[in-house]
């Protein structure tokens, strides 16, 4: 498995996607922190898998099926 080894900064398209995700999460009553949403949007837009132990990201997966998530302990 390859990992990103450079710093990636959010772009306008990432913020646009983040706003869409935040609205969907609000609609289902599962708000998530802004940084988590931006991280998610960056992964979605780039086709990356996000590996984390933070279970808040499961809510993002509910509203964005394209979000590739791997939860670890």
PDB file of N, CA and C in Angstrom:
ATOM      1  N   UNK A   1       0.845  -1.171   0.000  1.00  0.00           N
ATOM      2  CA  UNK A   1       0.000   0.000   0.000  1.00  0.00           C
ATOM      3  C   UNK A   1       0.895   1.240   0.000  1.00  0.00           C
ATOM      4  N   UNK A   2       0.600   2.159  -0.867  1.00  0.00           N
ATOM      5  CA  UNK A   2       1.366   3.402  -0.954  1.00  0.00           C
ATOM      6  C   UNK A   2       0.729   4.467  -0.062  1.00  0.00           C
ATOM      7  N   UNK A   3       1.561   5.267   0.545  1.00  0.00           N
ATOM      8  CA  UNK A   3       1.099   6.354   1.391  1.00  0.00           C
ATOM      9  C   UNK A   3       1.534   7.681   0.789  1.00  0.00           C
ATOM     10  N   UNK A   4       0.743   8.706   1.023  1.00  0.00           N
ATOM     11  CA  UNK A   4       1.108  10.046   0.580  1.00  0.00           C
ATOM     12  C   UNK A   4       2.212  10.542   1.510  1.00  0.00           C
ATOM     13  N   UNK A   5       3.317  10.960   0.942  1.00  0.00           N
ATOM     14  CA  UNK A   5       4.452  11.383   1.757  1.00  0.00           C
ATOM     15  C   UNK A   5       4.757  12.869   1.600  1.00  0.00           C
ATOM     16  N   UNK A   6       3.804  13.608   1.114  1.00  0.00           N
ATOM     17  CA  UNK A   6       3.981  15.043   0.966  1.00  0.00           C
ATOM     18  C   UNK A   6       2.802  15.754   1.612  1.00  0.00           C
ATOM     19  N   UNK A   7       2.980  17.002   1.920  1.00  0.00           N
ATOM     20  CA  UNK A   7       1.895  17.781   2.502  1.00  0.00           C
ATOM     21  C   UNK A   7       0.928  18.168   1.388  1.00  0.00           C
ATOM     22  N   UNK A   8      -0.341  17.940   1.631  1.00  0.00           N
ATOM     23  CA  UNK A   8      -1.386  18.277   0.672  1.00  0.00           C
ATOM     24  C   UNK A   8      -2.261  19.356   1.306  1.00  0.00           C
ATOM     25  N   UNK A   9      -2.456  20.432   0.588  1.00  0.00           N
ATOM     26  CA  UNK A   9      -3.268  21.532   1.090  1.00  0.00           C
ATOM     27  C   UNK A   9      -4.644  21.501   0.428  1.00  0.00           C
ATOM     28  N   UNK A  10      -5.686  21.851   1.180  1.00  0.00           N
ATOM     29  CA  UNK A  10      -7.022  21.885   0.574  1.00  0.00           C
ATOM     30  C   UNK A  10      -7.116  22.976  -0.488  1.00  0.00           C
ATOM     31  N   UNK A  11      -7.893  22.664  -1.508  1.00  0.00           N
ATOM     32  CA  UNK A  11      -8.145  23.597  -2.599  1.00  0.00           C
ATOM     33  C   UNK A  11      -9.622  23.989  -2.579  1.00  0.00           C
ATOM     34  N   UNK A  12      -9.987  24.907  -3.439  1.00  0.00           N
ATOM     35  CA  UNK A  12     -11.372  25.387  -3.479  1.00  0.00           C
ATOM     36  C   UNK A  12     -12.362  24.238  -3.649  1.00  0.00           C
ATOM     37  N   UNK A  13     -12.050  23.278  -4.499  1.00  0.00           N
ATOM     38  CA  UNK A  13     -12.944  22.139  -4.726  1.00  0.00           C
ATOM     39  C   UNK A  13     -13.146  21.317  -3.447  1.00  0.00           C
ATOM     40  N   UNK A  14     -12.121  21.272  -2.603  1.00  0.00           N
ATOM     41  CA  UNK A  14     -12.228  20.540  -1.340  1.00  0.00           C
ATOM     42  C   UNK A  14     -13.174  21.255  -0.376  1.00  0.00           C
ATOM     43  N   UNK A  15     -13.076  22.589  -0.329  1.00  0.00           N
ATOM     44  CA  UNK A  15     -13.977  23.342   0.537  1.00  0.00           C
ATOM     45  C   UNK A  15     -15.419  23.249   0.050  1.00  0.00           C
ATOM     46  N   UNK A  16     -15.596  23.250  -1.258  1.00  0.00           N
ATOM     47  CA  UNK A  16     -16.942  23.102  -1.824  1.00  0.00           C
ATOM     48  C   UNK A  16     -17.538  21.751  -1.435  1.00  0.00           C
ATOM     49  N   UNK A  17     -16.739  20.693  -1.567  1.00  0.00           N
ATOM     50  CA  UNK A  17     -17.196  19.352  -1.192  1.00  0.00           C
ATOM     51  C   UNK A  17     -17.461  19.293   0.314  1.00  0.00           C
ATOM     52  N   UNK A  18     -16.615  19.928   1.100  1.00  0.00           N
ATOM     53  CA  UNK A  18     -16.786  19.928   2.554  1.00  0.00           C
ATOM     54  C   UNK A  18     -18.115  20.566   2.955  1.00  0.00           C
ATOM     55  N   UNK A  19     -18.488  21.640   2.283  1.00  0.00           N
ATOM     56  CA  UNK A  19     -19.770  22.293   2.579  1.00  0.00           C
ATOM     57  C   UNK A  19     -20.925  21.342   2.259  1.00  0.00           C
ATOM     58  N   UNK A  20     -20.831  20.629   1.143  1.00  0.00           N
ATOM     59  CA  UNK A  20     -21.871  19.654   0.786  1.00  0.00           C
ATOM     60  C   UNK A  20     -21.976  18.562   1.843  1.00  0.00           C
ATOM     61  N   UNK A  21     -20.848  18.066   2.289  1.00  0.00           N
ATOM     62  CA  UNK A  21     -20.834  17.013   3.313  1.00  0.00           C
ATOM     63  C   UNK A  21     -21.429  17.540   4.614  1.00  0.00           C
ATOM     64  N   UNK A  22     -21.018  18.738   5.028  1.00  0.00           N
ATOM     65  CA  UNK A  22     -21.527  19.322   6.278  1.00  0.00           C
ATOM     66  C   UNK A  22     -23.047  19.468   6.242  1.00  0.00           C
ATOM     67  N   UNK A  23     -23.573  19.908   5.113  1.00  0.00           N
ATOM     68  CA  UNK A  23     -25.033  20.056   4.985  1.00  0.00           C
ATOM     69  C   UNK A  23     -25.739  18.709   5.107  1.00  0.00           C
ATOM     70  N   UNK A  24     -25.185  17.690   4.439  1.00  0.00           N
ATOM     71  CA  UNK A  24     -25.792  16.356   4.520  1.00  0.00           C
ATOM     72  C   UNK A  24     -25.760  15.815   5.948  1.00  0.00           C
ATOM     73  N   UNK A  25     -24.649  16.049   6.639  1.00  0.00           N
ATOM     74  CA  UNK A  25     -24.533  15.589   8.022  1.00  0.00           C
ATOM     75  C   UNK A  25     -25.519  16.321   8.932  1.00  0.00           C
ATOM     76  N   UNK A  26     -25.698  17.609   8.711  1.00  0.00           N
ATOM     77  CA  UNK A  26     -26.683  18.379   9.480  1.00  0.00           C
ATOM     78  C   UNK A  26     -28.089  17.822   9.262  1.00  0.00           C
ATOM     79  N   UNK A  27     -28.403  17.484   8.008  1.00  0.00           N
ATOM     80  CA  UNK A  27     -29.733  16.975   7.673  1.00  0.00           C
ATOM     81  C   UNK A  27     -30.050  15.685   8.408  1.00  0.00           C
ATOM     82  N   UNK A  28     -29.044  14.829   8.626  1.00  0.00           N
ATOM     83  CA  UNK A  28     -29.297  13.555   9.318  1.00  0.00           C
ATOM     84  C   UNK A  28     -29.004  13.654  10.817  1.00  0.00           C
ATOM     85  N   UNK A  29     -28.664  14.863  11.289  1.00  0.00           N
ATOM     86  CA  UNK A  29     -28.439  15.071  12.717  1.00  0.00           C
ATOM     87  C   UNK A  29     -27.145  14.500  13.252  1.00  0.00           C
ATOM     88  N   UNK A  30     -26.116  14.425  12.395  1.00  0.00           N
ATOM     89  CA  UNK A  30     -24.821  13.888  12.822  1.00  0.00           C
ATOM     90  C   UNK A  30     -23.686  14.839  12.427  1.00  0.00           C
ATOM     91  N   UNK A  31     -23.654  16.026  13.046  1.00  0.00           N
ATOM     92  CA  UNK A  31     -22.596  16.964  12.695  1.00  0.00           C
ATOM     93  C   UNK A  31     -21.214  16.423  13.083  1.00  0.00           C
ATOM     94  N   UNK A  32     -20.219  16.782  12.303  1.00  0.00           N
ATOM     95  CA  UNK A  32     -18.838  16.358  12.514  1.00  0.00           C
ATOM     96  C   UNK A  32     -17.974  17.617  12.460  1.00  0.00           C
ATOM     97  N   UNK A  33     -16.834  17.598  13.112  1.00  0.00           N
ATOM     98  CA  UNK A  33     -15.943  18.755  13.131  1.00  0.00           C
ATOM     99  C   UNK A  33     -15.477  19.168  11.748  1.00  0.00           C
ATOM    100  N   UNK A  34     -15.216  20.461  11.605  1.00  0.00           N
ATOM    101  CA  UNK A  34     -14.838  21.027  10.300  1.00  0.00           C
ATOM    102  C   UNK A  34     -13.568  20.397   9.741  1.00  0.00           C
ATOM    103  N   UNK A  35     -12.571  20.184  10.574  1.00  0.00           N
ATOM    104  CA  UNK A  35     -11.312  19.604  10.085  1.00  0.00           C
ATOM    105  C   UNK A  35     -11.547  18.185   9.578  1.00  0.00           C
ATOM    106  N   UNK A  36     -12.356  17.415  10.282  1.00  0.00           N
ATOM    107  CA  UNK A  36     -12.681  16.054   9.827  1.00  0.00           C
ATOM    108  C   UNK A  36     -13.364  16.081   8.464  1.00  0.00           C
ATOM    109  N   UNK A  37     -14.247  17.045   8.278  1.00  0.00           N
ATOM    110  CA  UNK A  37     -14.972  17.148   7.010  1.00  0.00           C
ATOM    111  C   UNK A  37     -14.024  17.569   5.883  1.00  0.00           C
ATOM    112  N   UNK A  38     -13.124  18.488   6.154  1.00  0.00           N
ATOM    113  CA  UNK A  38     -12.161  18.901   5.122  1.00  0.00           C
ATOM    114  C   UNK A  38     -11.228  17.745   4.769  1.00  0.00           C
ATOM    115  N   UNK A  39     -10.744  17.022   5.787  1.00  0.00           N
ATOM    116  CA  UNK A  39      -9.912  15.839   5.517  1.00  0.00           C
ATOM    117  C   UNK A  39     -10.652  14.852   4.622  1.00  0.00           C
ATOM    118  N   UNK A  40     -11.909  14.622   4.942  1.00  0.00           N
ATOM    119  CA  UNK A  40     -12.724  13.684   4.159  1.00  0.00           C
ATOM    120  C   UNK A  40     -12.892  14.157   2.723  1.00  0.00           C
ATOM    121  N   UNK A  41     -13.198  15.427   2.557  1.00  0.00           N
ATOM    122  CA  UNK A  41     -13.415  15.954   1.205  1.00  0.00           C
ATOM    123  C   UNK A  41     -12.141  15.868   0.366  1.00  0.00           C
ATOM    124  N   UNK A  42     -10.997  16.103   0.989  1.00  0.00           N
ATOM    125  CA  UNK A  42      -9.736  16.002   0.252  1.00  0.00           C
ATOM    126  C   UNK A  42      -9.494  14.567  -0.208  1.00  0.00           C
ATOM    127  N   UNK A  43      -9.802  13.617   0.634  1.00  0.00           N
ATOM    128  CA  UNK A  43      -9.642  12.205   0.245  1.00  0.00           C
ATOM    129  C   UNK A  43     -10.615  11.817  -0.865  1.00  0.00           C
ATOM    130  N   UNK A  44     -11.850  12.245  -0.752  1.00  0.00           N
ATOM    131  CA  UNK A  44     -12.850  11.935  -1.777  1.00  0.00           C
ATOM    132  C   UNK A  44     -12.409  12.496  -3.127  1.00  0.00           C
ATOM    133  N   UNK A  45     -12.003  13.751  -3.133  1.00  0.00           N
ATOM    134  CA  UNK A  45     -11.626  14.405  -4.386  1.00  0.00           C
ATOM    135  C   UNK A  45     -10.375  13.810  -5.027  1.00  0.00           C
ATOM    136  N   UNK A  46      -9.544  13.164  -4.236  1.00  0.00           N
ATOM    137  CA  UNK A  46      -8.298  12.598  -4.765  1.00  0.00           C
ATOM    138  C   UNK A  46      -8.329  11.078  -4.863  1.00  0.00           C
ATOM    139  N   UNK A  47      -9.416  10.466  -4.419  1.00  0.00           N
ATOM    140  CA  UNK A  47      -9.534   9.006  -4.473  1.00  0.00           C
ATOM    141  C   UNK A  47      -8.671   8.293  -3.441  1.00  0.00           C
ATOM    142  N   UNK A  48      -8.320   8.989  -2.352  1.00  0.00           N
ATOM    143  CA  UNK A  48      -7.480   8.411  -1.311  1.00  0.00           C
ATOM    144  C   UNK A  48      -8.317   7.639  -0.299  1.00  0.00           C
ATOM    145  N   UNK A  49      -7.691   6.694   0.365  1.00  0.00           N
ATOM    146  CA  UNK A  49      -8.289   6.012   1.508  1.00  0.00           C
ATOM    147  C   UNK A  49      -7.793   6.715   2.766  1.00  0.00           C
ATOM    148  N   UNK A  50      -8.706   6.980   3.700  1.00  0.00           N
ATOM    149  CA  UNK A  50      -8.353   7.639   4.947  1.00  0.00           C
ATOM    150  C   UNK A  50      -8.289   6.589   6.044  1.00  0.00           C
ATOM    151  N   UNK A  51      -7.156   6.502   6.706  1.00  0.00           N
ATOM    152  CA  UNK A  51      -6.940   5.526   7.772  1.00  0.00           C
ATOM    153  C   UNK A  51      -6.877   6.272   9.093  1.00  0.00           C
ATOM    154  N   UNK A  52      -7.754   5.902  10.022  1.00  0.00           N
ATOM    155  CA  UNK A  52      -7.859   6.609  11.300  1.00  0.00           C
ATOM    156  C   UNK A  52      -8.476   5.719  12.364  1.00  0.00           C
ATOM    157  N   UNK A  53      -8.340   6.138  13.594  1.00  0.00           N
ATOM    158  CA  UNK A  53      -9.041   5.468  14.692  1.00  0.00           C
ATOM    159  C   UNK A  53     -10.234   6.314  15.164  1.00  0.00           C
ATOM    160  N   UNK A  54     -10.439   7.461  14.552  1.00  0.00           N
ATOM    161  CA  UNK A  54     -11.504   8.394  14.911  1.00  0.00           C
ATOM    162  C   UNK A  54     -12.831   7.941  14.297  1.00  0.00           C
ATOM    163  N   UNK A  55     -13.741   7.522  15.151  1.00  0.00           N
ATOM    164  CA  UNK A  55     -15.018   6.968  14.679  1.00  0.00           C
ATOM    165  C   UNK A  55     -15.982   8.026  14.135  1.00  0.00           C
ATOM    166  N   UNK A  56     -15.671   9.306  14.314  1.00  0.00           N
ATOM    167  CA  UNK A  56     -16.521  10.360  13.743  1.00  0.00           C
ATOM    168  C   UNK A  56     -16.613  10.244  12.220  1.00  0.00           C
ATOM    169  N   UNK A  57     -15.567   9.700  11.627  1.00  0.00           N
ATOM    170  CA  UNK A  57     -15.534   9.587  10.168  1.00  0.00           C
ATOM    171  C   UNK A  57     -16.573   8.594   9.636  1.00  0.00           C
ATOM    172  N   UNK A  58     -17.097   7.733  10.489  1.00  0.00           N
ATOM    173  CA  UNK A  58     -18.157   6.809  10.054  1.00  0.00           C
ATOM    174  C   UNK A  58     -19.393   7.584   9.612  1.00  0.00           C
ATOM    175  N   UNK A  59     -19.643   8.710  10.245  1.00  0.00           N
ATOM    176  CA  UNK A  59     -20.793   9.539   9.860  1.00  0.00           C
ATOM    177  C   UNK A  59     -20.610  10.095   8.456  1.00  0.00           C
ATOM    178  N   UNK A  60     -19.390  10.483   8.121  1.00  0.00           N
ATOM    179  CA  UNK A  60     -19.122  10.983   6.768  1.00  0.00           C
ATOM    180  C   UNK A  60     -19.410   9.880   5.758  1.00  0.00           C
ATOM    181  N   UNK A  61     -19.009   8.670   6.071  1.00  0.00           N
ATOM    182  CA  UNK A  61     -19.235   7.529   5.175  1.00  0.00           C
ATOM    183  C   UNK A  61     -20.735   7.318   4.922  1.00  0.00           C
ATOM    184  N   UNK A  62     -21.558   7.633   5.905  1.00  0.00           N
ATOM    185  CA  UNK A  62     -23.013   7.489   5.735  1.00  0.00           C
ATOM    186  C   UNK A  62     -23.559   8.385   4.631  1.00  0.00           C
ATOM    187  N   UNK A  63     -23.008   9.599   4.525  1.00  0.00           N
ATOM    188  CA  UNK A  63     -23.541  10.556   3.550  1.00  0.00           C
ATOM    189  C   UNK A  63     -22.713  10.626   2.274  1.00  0.00           C
ATOM    190  N   UNK A  64     -21.529  10.041   2.292  1.00  0.00           N
ATOM    191  CA  UNK A  64     -20.644  10.048   1.116  1.00  0.00           C
ATOM    192  C   UNK A  64     -20.098   8.641   0.873  1.00  0.00           C
ATOM    193  N   UNK A  65     -20.836   7.812   0.150  1.00  0.00           N
ATOM    194  CA  UNK A  65     -20.396   6.432  -0.087  1.00  0.00           C
ATOM    195  C   UNK A  65     -19.040   6.324  -0.797  1.00  0.00           C
ATOM    196  N   UNK A  66     -18.636   7.370  -1.516  1.00  0.00           N
ATOM    197  CA  UNK A  66     -17.334   7.337  -2.211  1.00  0.00           C
ATOM    198  C   UNK A  66     -16.154   7.514  -1.257  1.00  0.00           C
ATOM    199  N   UNK A  67     -16.438   7.893  -0.016  1.00  0.00           N
ATOM    200  CA  UNK A  67     -15.381   8.092   0.975  1.00  0.00           C
ATOM    201  C   UNK A  67     -14.796   6.739   1.358  1.00  0.00           C
ATOM    202  N   UNK A  68     -13.518   6.561   1.077  1.00  0.00           N
ATOM    203  CA  UNK A  68     -12.817   5.314   1.410  1.00  0.00           C
ATOM    204  C   UNK A  68     -12.240   5.454   2.801  1.00  0.00           C
ATOM    205  N   UNK A  69     -12.769   4.663   3.734  1.00  0.00           N
ATOM    206  CA  UNK A  69     -12.413   4.776   5.139  1.00  0.00           C
ATOM    207  C   UNK A  69     -11.943   3.444   5.680  1.00  0.00           C
ATOM    208  N   UNK A  70     -10.859   3.476   6.435  1.00  0.00           N
ATOM    209  CA  UNK A  70     -10.415   2.296   7.171  1.00  0.00           C
ATOM    210  C   UNK A  70     -10.222   2.691   8.624  1.00  0.00           C
ATOM    211  N   UNK A  71     -11.030   2.107   9.501  1.00  0.00           N
ATOM    212  CA  UNK A  71     -10.905   2.377  10.930  1.00  0.00           C
ATOM    213  C   UNK A  71      -9.953   1.354  11.540  1.00  0.00           C
ATOM    214  N   UNK A  72      -9.041   1.841  12.356  1.00  0.00           N
ATOM    215  CA  UNK A  72      -8.102   0.974  13.060  1.00  0.00           C
ATOM    216  C   UNK A  72      -8.268   1.218  14.563  1.00  0.00           C
ATOM    217  N   UNK A  73      -7.785   0.288  15.347  1.00  0.00           N
ATOM    218  CA  UNK A  73      -7.913   0.426  16.805  1.00  0.00           C
ATOM    219  C   UNK A  73      -6.744   1.165  17.389  1.00  0.00           C
TER     220      UNK A  73
END
